[in-house]
């Protein structure tokens, strides 16, 4: 009886421990994009963070930075830069701003339209399951796609606003665009220093909002990483921030980043390689969201045409 009593006590204690510390349930059945779609449909993923890079805007006509032959860095040789990244280095910009403004003229955001990926992120927001979009992109196409500003963290700044590098005087986008497209070097009317878009250059601090929003990753229950080389820190390190059981999905042309795709105990990292736009369309199909995504794309096209339609003759 004493032995039986001890055994029951041991069992009860064990049961108490198991109740106090339940095993974390596996979110994905397997590490496939189909399982990711199923988890979203089943409501297991309601606080999704999306991390994006230049790859999602290539389809809009904006080249990425590192693709051999077509990337921006390969096409900067005509400016005789000491190294390609110099065009985005604040020290070099202060000495020789001409290459940056020549490049800015080629990639000015208002001449481009959002892609399928941008509208997919908007659809996540519309369904109230987008926690935040962290983007390296400076093209503001998230805003153009209609994603609310509070849901977008422009980690490297953007063309959306512009300031004097000397006294921080603000200027309008229209004022800066006129200068750039007239091949003028924009200078502050107040102090004479250079004006540049509020893009974070090498040698400058990232926006304060980037750091104040890192707590989002504590709430995240699904991370989608789309169209980025994950070579620039601290942005690249964000993939490490979600909890250990949170699924992480890489949608990219090639494998990048510190994921554990080949680990024998991998239960959360999903690799879905190929063209970003095509892969996102496939994910939307798996989710049964094709029509809704197409509707957003059509609405966006109508907005673009309306905003760029010439005013009737005689009216401003």
Foldseek 3Di string as FASTA:
>chain_A
DVVVVVVVVVVVVVVVVCVVPPDDDFQFPAQALLRVLVSVLVVVQQEEEEEEEPLQCVVQVQADADDPPGHPLNVLVVVVDPHSLLQQAPVSCQVPVLSVLVVCLVQAQLVTAGALVLLVLVVSVVVNRYNAYEYCDQNCNNVLLPPDPVRYHNFFHHQCWKAFPPPRHTDHSVVVNVCSVVSHQDADPVPGGGMDHSGHGVVGDTDPVVVVPLCSLAVGQEYEYEHDQLPDPPSSVSVVRHDPSRAYEYEEQDDHHDDPVPDPPDRHYHYHHDRRRVVVCVSCVSNVNNVVSVVSVVVSVVVSCVVPPDDPPPDD
